[in-house]
């Protein structure tokens, strides 16, 4: 049984095809990076896997269950792009709310507050935080219950360099199946061992990071390799 199984997935928004006949499988405990240009279909993919929207065609299974099922919601952590915690609640109340929904001991909250350098802001309303601190709060809310499957959409948005390093280390320590969408390939390389590249809603390449690197010339940056795959529009 795969942790994530996607077969012939298609999603349209009016006349725009966001995803077309996408098929792939992810084993449990694997770490994957989802790469592609803006508008490639990455966020749509993650929303479907999180059970937030339905595909027009195809089948998606999470641990052999429907993504919107209660069983999947218990094990899933999802961080959307431009995540926005409940603005009228304080930092601590946002986390306590999630803890109550997830049946998590509140002591875990304070560990994350310290790790992400948010304790000094715990009584601030989320709406008053800087964009970077709101992002850290959203990350804490997504991982508070130690999800066995974690979907991340541009998780390092708005974070300064020290915060990026803290968050990368945090994700690396989690014992979760991981699918992360990011434009920062150096980050993808640190968090993931496998790569799925999509462009115009179609898979262009799928495989190990080590194999992707080997496709370039000597000392060629991995960004250039990915750009070439996307530009050539070939399906590997």
C-alpha atoms as a PDB file:
ATOM      1  CA  UNK A   1       0.000   0.000   0.000  1.00  0.00           C
ATOM      2  CA  UNK A   2       1.333   3.411  -1.005  1.00  0.00           C
ATOM      3  CA  UNK A   3       1.154   6.413   1.314  1.00  0.00           C
ATOM      4  CA  UNK A   4       0.037   8.550  -1.659  1.00  0.00           C
ATOM      5  CA  UNK A   5      -1.414   7.078  -4.840  1.00  0.00           C
ATOM      6  CA  UNK A   6      -2.484   9.289  -7.742  1.00  0.00           C
ATOM      7  CA  UNK A   7      -3.861   7.889 -11.002  1.00  0.00           C
ATOM      8  CA  UNK A   8      -4.978   9.776 -14.120  1.00  0.00           C
ATOM      9  CA  UNK A   9      -5.631  12.952 -12.129  1.00  0.00           C
ATOM     10  CA  UNK A  10      -7.198  15.848 -14.044  1.00  0.00           C
ATOM     11  CA  UNK A  11      -8.422  19.178 -12.692  1.00  0.00           C
ATOM     12  CA  UNK A  12      -9.854  22.107 -14.660  1.00  0.00           C
ATOM     13  CA  UNK A  13     -10.802  25.636 -13.694  1.00  0.00           C
ATOM     14  CA  UNK A  14     -13.191  26.641 -16.448  1.00  0.00           C
ATOM     15  CA  UNK A  15     -11.221  26.374 -19.682  1.00  0.00           C
ATOM     16  CA  UNK A  16      -7.880  26.200 -17.870  1.00  0.00           C
ATOM     17  CA  UNK A  17      -6.406  22.739 -17.319  1.00  0.00           C
ATOM     18  CA  UNK A  18      -4.516  22.830 -14.011  1.00  0.00           C
ATOM     19  CA  UNK A  19      -3.597  19.127 -13.996  1.00  0.00           C
ATOM     20  CA  UNK A  20      -3.852  16.583 -16.792  1.00  0.00           C
ATOM     21  CA  UNK A  21      -3.634  12.800 -16.440  1.00  0.00           C
ATOM     22  CA  UNK A  22      -1.146  12.953 -13.573  1.00  0.00           C
ATOM     23  CA  UNK A  23      -0.063   9.580 -12.169  1.00  0.00           C
ATOM     24  CA  UNK A  24       2.498   8.833  -9.448  1.00  0.00           C
ATOM     25  CA  UNK A  25       2.947   6.909  -6.187  1.00  0.00           C
ATOM     26  CA  UNK A  26       4.796   7.809  -2.990  1.00  0.00           C
ATOM     27  CA  UNK A  27       5.916   5.204  -0.467  1.00  0.00           C
ATOM     28  CA  UNK A  28       5.500   5.917   3.236  1.00  0.00           C
ATOM     29  CA  UNK A  29       8.439   7.770   4.826  1.00  0.00           C
ATOM     30  CA  UNK A  30       9.746   8.996   1.467  1.00  0.00           C
ATOM     31  CA  UNK A  31      10.712  12.661   1.075  1.00  0.00           C
ATOM     32  CA  UNK A  32       9.627  14.302  -2.196  1.00  0.00           C
ATOM     33  CA  UNK A  33      10.076  17.750  -3.713  1.00  0.00           C
ATOM     34  CA  UNK A  34       7.401  19.067  -6.068  1.00  0.00           C
ATOM     35  CA  UNK A  35       9.038  21.405  -8.582  1.00  0.00           C
ATOM     36  CA  UNK A  36       7.731  23.497 -11.450  1.00  0.00           C
ATOM     37  CA  UNK A  37       7.132  27.060 -12.671  1.00  0.00           C
ATOM     38  CA  UNK A  38       4.365  29.339 -11.453  1.00  0.00           C
ATOM     39  CA  UNK A  39       0.999  28.077 -12.635  1.00  0.00           C
ATOM     40  CA  UNK A  40       2.290  24.534 -13.154  1.00  0.00           C
ATOM     41  CA  UNK A  41      -0.400  22.991 -10.947  1.00  0.00           C
ATOM     42  CA  UNK A  42       1.643  22.435  -7.774  1.00  0.00           C
ATOM     43  CA  UNK A  43      -0.737  24.146  -5.340  1.00  0.00           C
ATOM     44  CA  UNK A  44      -3.741  22.492  -6.968  1.00  0.00           C
ATOM     45  CA  UNK A  45      -2.040  19.122  -6.522  1.00  0.00           C
ATOM     46  CA  UNK A  46      -1.439  19.716  -2.824  1.00  0.00           C
ATOM     47  CA  UNK A  47      -5.005  20.935  -2.253  1.00  0.00           C
ATOM     48  CA  UNK A  48      -6.394  17.778  -3.854  1.00  0.00           C
ATOM     49  CA  UNK A  49      -4.103  15.587  -1.760  1.00  0.00           C
ATOM     50  CA  UNK A  50      -5.199  17.498   1.346  1.00  0.00           C
ATOM     51  CA  UNK A  51      -8.845  16.795   0.507  1.00  0.00           C
ATOM     52  CA  UNK A  52      -9.706  20.479   0.085  1.00  0.00           C
ATOM     53  CA  UNK A  53     -10.808  20.261  -3.551  1.00  0.00           C
ATOM     54  CA  UNK A  54     -12.000  17.400  -5.735  1.00  0.00           C
ATOM     55  CA  UNK A  55     -10.461  16.373  -9.056  1.00  0.00           C
ATOM     56  CA  UNK A  56     -12.566  16.313 -12.198  1.00  0.00           C
ATOM     57  CA  UNK A  57     -11.179  12.918 -13.156  1.00  0.00           C
ATOM     58  CA  UNK A  58      -8.899  10.288 -11.727  1.00  0.00           C
ATOM     59  CA  UNK A  59      -8.307   8.665  -8.393  1.00  0.00           C
ATOM     60  CA  UNK A  60      -6.403   9.902  -5.338  1.00  0.00           C
ATOM     61  CA  UNK A  61      -5.817   7.704  -2.287  1.00  0.00           C
ATOM     62  CA  UNK A  62      -4.006   8.493   0.956  1.00  0.00           C
ATOM     63  CA  UNK A  63      -3.146   5.261   2.789  1.00  0.00           C
ATOM     64  CA  UNK A  64      -5.804   3.662   0.569  1.00  0.00           C
ATOM     65  CA  UNK A  65      -8.445   6.120   1.826  1.00  0.00           C
ATOM     66  CA  UNK A  66     -10.190   9.160   0.381  1.00  0.00           C
ATOM     67  CA  UNK A  67      -8.195  12.364   1.137  1.00  0.00           C
ATOM     68  CA  UNK A  68     -11.247  14.023   2.728  1.00  0.00           C
ATOM     69  CA  UNK A  69     -11.932  11.126   5.115  1.00  0.00           C
ATOM     70  CA  UNK A  70     -11.654  11.622   8.904  1.00  0.00           C
ATOM     71  CA  UNK A  71      -8.943   8.968   9.036  1.00  0.00           C
ATOM     72  CA  UNK A  72      -6.731  10.932   6.665  1.00  0.00           C
ATOM     73  CA  UNK A  73      -7.366  14.252   8.388  1.00  0.00           C
ATOM     74  CA  UNK A  74      -6.015  12.765  11.620  1.00  0.00           C
ATOM     75  CA  UNK A  75      -2.649  11.903  10.097  1.00  0.00           C
ATOM     76  CA  UNK A  76      -2.276  14.816   7.661  1.00  0.00           C
ATOM     77  CA  UNK A  77      -0.465  18.103   8.113  1.00  0.00           C
ATOM     78  CA  UNK A  78      -0.962  20.742   5.413  1.00  0.00           C
ATOM     79  CA  UNK A  79       0.663  24.142   5.028  1.00  0.00           C
ATOM     80  CA  UNK A  80      -0.875  26.183   2.190  1.00  0.00           C
ATOM     81  CA  UNK A  81       0.975  28.884   0.312  1.00  0.00           C
ATOM     82  CA  UNK A  82       0.418  32.247   2.032  1.00  0.00           C
ATOM     83  CA  UNK A  83      -1.015  30.504   5.097  1.00  0.00           C
ATOM     84  CA  UNK A  84      -3.007  32.825   7.342  1.00  0.00           C
ATOM     85  CA  UNK A  85      -3.804  31.707  10.919  1.00  0.00           C
ATOM     86  CA  UNK A  86      -7.040  32.868  12.540  1.00  0.00           C
ATOM     87  CA  UNK A  87      -6.370  36.640  12.623  1.00  0.00           C
ATOM     88  CA  UNK A  88      -8.562  37.464  15.620  1.00  0.00           C
ATOM     89  CA  UNK A  89      -6.972  34.838  17.857  1.00  0.00           C
ATOM     90  CA  UNK A  90      -3.700  35.194  19.706  1.00  0.00           C
ATOM     91  CA  UNK A  91      -0.735  33.005  18.847  1.00  0.00           C
ATOM     92  CA  UNK A  92      -1.337  30.812  21.887  1.00  0.00           C
ATOM     93  CA  UNK A  93      -5.077  30.540  21.218  1.00  0.00           C
ATOM     94  CA  UNK A  94      -4.462  29.541  17.590  1.00  0.00           C
ATOM     95  CA  UNK A  95      -2.258  26.710  18.811  1.00  0.00           C
ATOM     96  CA  UNK A  96      -4.584  25.713  21.653  1.00  0.00           C
ATOM     97  CA  UNK A  97      -7.457  25.537  19.184  1.00  0.00           C
ATOM     98  CA  UNK A  98      -5.497  23.173  16.943  1.00  0.00           C
ATOM     99  CA  UNK A  99      -4.362  21.158  19.967  1.00  0.00           C
ATOM    100  CA  UNK A 100      -7.969  20.676  21.042  1.00  0.00           C
ATOM    101  CA  UNK A 101      -8.989  19.553  17.544  1.00  0.00           C
ATOM    102  CA  UNK A 102      -6.005  17.224  17.273  1.00  0.00           C
ATOM    103  CA  UNK A 103      -6.168  15.917  20.869  1.00  0.00           C
ATOM    104  CA  UNK A 104      -2.589  17.050  21.494  1.00  0.00           C
ATOM    105  CA  UNK A 105      -1.135  17.757  24.944  1.00  0.00           C
ATOM    106  CA  UNK A 106      -0.733  21.530  25.321  1.00  0.00           C
ATOM    107  CA  UNK A 107       2.838  21.103  26.582  1.00  0.00           C
ATOM    108  CA  UNK A 108       3.815  20.496  22.946  1.00  0.00           C
ATOM    109  CA  UNK A 109       2.708  24.057  22.169  1.00  0.00           C
ATOM    110  CA  UNK A 110       5.364  25.638  24.336  1.00  0.00           C
ATOM    111  CA  UNK A 111       8.110  23.488  22.845  1.00  0.00           C
ATOM    112  CA  UNK A 112       7.216  24.797  19.383  1.00  0.00           C
ATOM    113  CA  UNK A 113       6.895  28.377  20.622  1.00  0.00           C
ATOM    114  CA  UNK A 114      10.454  28.199  21.935  1.00  0.00           C
ATOM    115  CA  UNK A 115      11.838  26.382  18.905  1.00  0.00           C
ATOM    116  CA  UNK A 116      10.336  28.900  16.477  1.00  0.00           C
ATOM    117  CA  UNK A 117      11.125  31.918  18.685  1.00  0.00           C
ATOM    118  CA  UNK A 118       7.451  32.803  19.100  1.00  0.00           C
ATOM    119  CA  UNK A 119       7.032  32.699  22.896  1.00  0.00           C
ATOM    120  CA  UNK A 120       7.482  36.461  23.188  1.00  0.00           C
ATOM    121  CA  UNK A 121       4.542  36.896  20.812  1.00  0.00           C
ATOM    122  CA  UNK A 122       2.265  34.253  22.348  1.00  0.00           C
ATOM    123  CA  UNK A 123      -0.366  36.785  23.463  1.00  0.00           C
ATOM    124  CA  UNK A 124      -0.274  38.839  20.257  1.00  0.00           C
ATOM    125  CA  UNK A 125      -3.156  38.490  17.837  1.00  0.00           C
ATOM    126  CA  UNK A 126      -2.100  36.736  14.663  1.00  0.00           C
ATOM    127  CA  UNK A 127      -3.194  39.763  12.631  1.00  0.00           C
ATOM    128  CA  UNK A 128      -0.560  41.930  14.355  1.00  0.00           C
ATOM    129  CA  UNK A 129       2.386  39.644  13.636  1.00  0.00           C
ATOM    130  CA  UNK A 130       4.977  40.232  10.945  1.00  0.00           C
ATOM    131  CA  UNK A 131       4.489  38.074   7.848  1.00  0.00           C
ATOM    132  CA  UNK A 132       7.441  35.931   8.849  1.00  0.00           C
ATOM    133  CA  UNK A 133       6.092  35.263  12.328  1.00  0.00           C
ATOM    134  CA  UNK A 134       2.666  34.437  10.909  1.00  0.00           C
ATOM    135  CA  UNK A 135       4.379  31.908   8.659  1.00  0.00           C
ATOM    136  CA  UNK A 136       6.117  30.343  11.661  1.00  0.00           C
ATOM    137  CA  UNK A 137       2.802  30.182  13.511  1.00  0.00           C
ATOM    138  CA  UNK A 138       1.183  28.471  10.526  1.00  0.00           C
ATOM    139  CA  UNK A 139       4.033  25.947  10.426  1.00  0.00           C
ATOM    140  CA  UNK A 140       3.572  25.216  14.121  1.00  0.00           C
ATOM    141  CA  UNK A 141      -0.159  24.676  13.555  1.00  0.00           C
ATOM    142  CA  UNK A 142       0.538  22.275  10.679  1.00  0.00           C
ATOM    143  CA  UNK A 143       2.960  20.045  12.582  1.00  0.00           C
ATOM    144  CA  UNK A 144       1.635  20.285  16.145  1.00  0.00           C
ATOM    145  CA  UNK A 145       0.147  16.766  15.990  1.00  0.00           C
ATOM    146  CA  UNK A 146       3.260  15.125  14.508  1.00  0.00           C
ATOM    147  CA  UNK A 147       1.557  14.236  11.211  1.00  0.00           C
ATOM    148  CA  UNK A 148       2.629  11.061   9.474  1.00  0.00           C
ATOM    149  CA  UNK A 149       2.013  12.807   6.127  1.00  0.00           C
ATOM    150  CA  UNK A 150       3.085  16.412   5.617  1.00  0.00           C
ATOM    151  CA  UNK A 151       2.191  18.557   2.579  1.00  0.00           C
ATOM    152  CA  UNK A 152       4.047  21.866   2.367  1.00  0.00           C
ATOM    153  CA  UNK A 153       3.461  24.651  -0.159  1.00  0.00           C
ATOM    154  CA  UNK A 154       6.403  27.101  -0.225  1.00  0.00           C
ATOM    155  CA  UNK A 155       7.060  26.658   3.510  1.00  0.00           C
ATOM    156  CA  UNK A 156       9.955  29.135   3.678  1.00  0.00           C
ATOM    157  CA  UNK A 157       7.971  32.079   2.323  1.00  0.00           C
ATOM    158  CA  UNK A 158       8.674  35.285   4.275  1.00  0.00           C
ATOM    159  CA  UNK A 159      11.231  33.668   6.620  1.00  0.00           C
ATOM    160  CA  UNK A 160      14.618  35.247   7.298  1.00  0.00           C
ATOM    161  CA  UNK A 161      17.732  33.102   6.940  1.00  0.00           C
ATOM    162  CA  UNK A 162      18.024  32.034  10.618  1.00  0.00           C
ATOM    163  CA  UNK A 163      14.339  31.097  10.650  1.00  0.00           C
ATOM    164  CA  UNK A 164      14.747  29.176   7.391  1.00  0.00           C
ATOM    165  CA  UNK A 165      17.520  27.109   8.945  1.00  0.00           C
ATOM    166  CA  UNK A 166      15.432  26.417  12.051  1.00  0.00           C
ATOM    167  CA  UNK A 167      12.459  25.307   9.969  1.00  0.00           C
ATOM    168  CA  UNK A 168      14.547  23.128   7.640  1.00  0.00           C
ATOM    169  CA  UNK A 169      16.068  21.377  10.665  1.00  0.00           C
ATOM    170  CA  UNK A 170      12.605  20.946  12.158  1.00  0.00           C
ATOM    171  CA  UNK A 171      11.172  19.372   9.009  1.00  0.00           C
ATOM    172  CA  UNK A 172      14.233  17.148   8.662  1.00  0.00           C
ATOM    173  CA  UNK A 173      13.680  15.704  12.143  1.00  0.00           C
ATOM    174  CA  UNK A 174      10.029  14.847  11.571  1.00  0.00           C
ATOM    175  CA  UNK A 175       9.256  11.196  10.958  1.00  0.00           C
ATOM    176  CA  UNK A 176       6.774  12.038   8.224  1.00  0.00           C
ATOM    177  CA  UNK A 177       6.171  11.227   4.597  1.00  0.00           C
ATOM    178  CA  UNK A 178       6.914  14.588   2.979  1.00  0.00           C
ATOM    179  CA  UNK A 179       5.821  16.322  -0.206  1.00  0.00           C
ATOM    180  CA  UNK A 180       7.131  19.882  -0.395  1.00  0.00           C
ATOM    181  CA  UNK A 181       6.579  22.432  -3.142  1.00  0.00           C
ATOM    182  CA  UNK A 182       9.334  25.038  -3.290  1.00  0.00           C
ATOM    183  CA  UNK A 183      11.125  27.268  -5.785  1.00  0.00           C
ATOM    184  CA  UNK A 184      14.323  27.116  -3.715  1.00  0.00           C
ATOM    185  CA  UNK A 185      16.116  24.080  -5.111  1.00  0.00           C
ATOM    186  CA  UNK A 186      18.842  24.112  -2.478  1.00  0.00           C
ATOM    187  CA  UNK A 187      16.098  23.698   0.116  1.00  0.00           C
ATOM    188  CA  UNK A 188      14.391  20.960  -1.883  1.00  0.00           C
ATOM    189  CA  UNK A 189      17.725  19.148  -2.090  1.00  0.00           C
ATOM    190  CA  UNK A 190      18.109  19.289   1.711  1.00  0.00           C
ATOM    191  CA  UNK A 191      14.579  18.157   2.511  1.00  0.00           C
ATOM    192  CA  UNK A 192      13.908  15.577  -0.199  1.00  0.00           C
ATOM    193  CA  UNK A 193      15.588  12.641  -1.912  1.00  0.00           C
ATOM    194  CA  UNK A 194      13.079  12.326  -4.753  1.00  0.00           C
ATOM    195  CA  UNK A 195      11.740  14.846  -7.264  1.00  0.00           C
ATOM    196  CA  UNK A 196       8.544  15.324  -9.225  1.00  0.00           C
ATOM    197  CA  UNK A 197       8.702  18.091 -11.855  1.00  0.00           C
ATOM    198  CA  UNK A 198       5.470  19.348 -13.396  1.00  0.00           C
ATOM    199  CA  UNK A 199       4.802  21.981 -16.024  1.00  0.00           C
ATOM    200  CA  UNK A 200       1.491  22.977 -17.611  1.00  0.00           C
ATOM    201  CA  UNK A 201      -0.239  20.448 -15.374  1.00  0.00           C
ATOM    202  CA  UNK A 202       1.752  17.473 -16.670  1.00  0.00           C
ATOM    203  CA  UNK A 203       4.579  15.464 -15.115  1.00  0.00           C
ATOM    204  CA  UNK A 204       7.828  16.222 -16.966  1.00  0.00           C
ATOM    205  CA  UNK A 205      10.241  14.201 -14.854  1.00  0.00           C
ATOM    206  CA  UNK A 206      10.155  11.967 -11.806  1.00  0.00           C
ATOM    207  CA  UNK A 207      13.004  10.241  -9.980  1.00  0.00           C
ATOM    208  CA  UNK A 208      15.840  10.534  -7.481  1.00  0.00           C
ATOM    209  CA  UNK A 209      17.631  13.816  -6.827  1.00  0.00           C
ATOM    210  CA  UNK A 210      20.943  12.052  -7.463  1.00  0.00           C
ATOM    211  CA  UNK A 211      19.786  11.026 -10.939  1.00  0.00           C
ATOM    212  CA  UNK A 212      18.586  14.553 -11.664  1.00  0.00           C
ATOM    213  CA  UNK A 213      22.012  15.938 -10.790  1.00  0.00           C
ATOM    214  CA  UNK A 214      23.703  13.378 -13.045  1.00  0.00           C
ATOM    215  CA  UNK A 215      21.749  14.684 -16.061  1.00  0.00           C
ATOM    216  CA  UNK A 216      23.730  17.919 -16.069  1.00  0.00           C
ATOM    217  CA  UNK A 217      27.153  18.792 -17.359  1.00  0.00           C
ATOM    218  CA  UNK A 218      30.080  18.982 -14.964  1.00  0.00           C
ATOM    219  CA  UNK A 219      29.429  21.608 -12.268  1.00  0.00           C
ATOM    220  CA  UNK A 220      26.119  22.592 -13.911  1.00  0.00           C
ATOM    221  CA  UNK A 221      23.724  24.061 -11.316  1.00  0.00           C
ATOM    222  CA  UNK A 222      20.692  21.903 -10.628  1.00  0.00           C
ATOM    223  CA  UNK A 223      18.488  24.945 -11.298  1.00  0.00           C
ATOM    224  CA  UNK A 224      19.676  24.922 -14.903  1.00  0.00           C
ATOM    225  CA  UNK A 225      18.916  21.212 -15.272  1.00  0.00           C
ATOM    226  CA  UNK A 226      15.375  21.698 -13.979  1.00  0.00           C
ATOM    227  CA  UNK A 227      14.870  24.760 -16.198  1.00  0.00           C
ATOM    228  CA  UNK A 228      15.972  22.769 -19.227  1.00  0.00           C
ATOM    229  CA  UNK A 229      13.532  19.943 -18.466  1.00  0.00           C
ATOM    230  CA  UNK A 230      10.692  22.440 -18.099  1.00  0.00           C
ATOM    231  CA  UNK A 231      11.653  24.458 -21.190  1.00  0.00           C
ATOM    232  CA  UNK A 232      12.064  21.445 -23.459  1.00  0.00           C
ATOM    233  CA  UNK A 233       8.674  20.165 -22.355  1.00  0.00           C
ATOM    234  CA  UNK A 234       9.757  16.564 -22.572  1.00  0.00           C
ATOM    235  CA  UNK A 235       8.164  13.832 -20.508  1.00  0.00           C
ATOM    236  CA  UNK A 236      10.728  11.476 -18.970  1.00  0.00           C
END
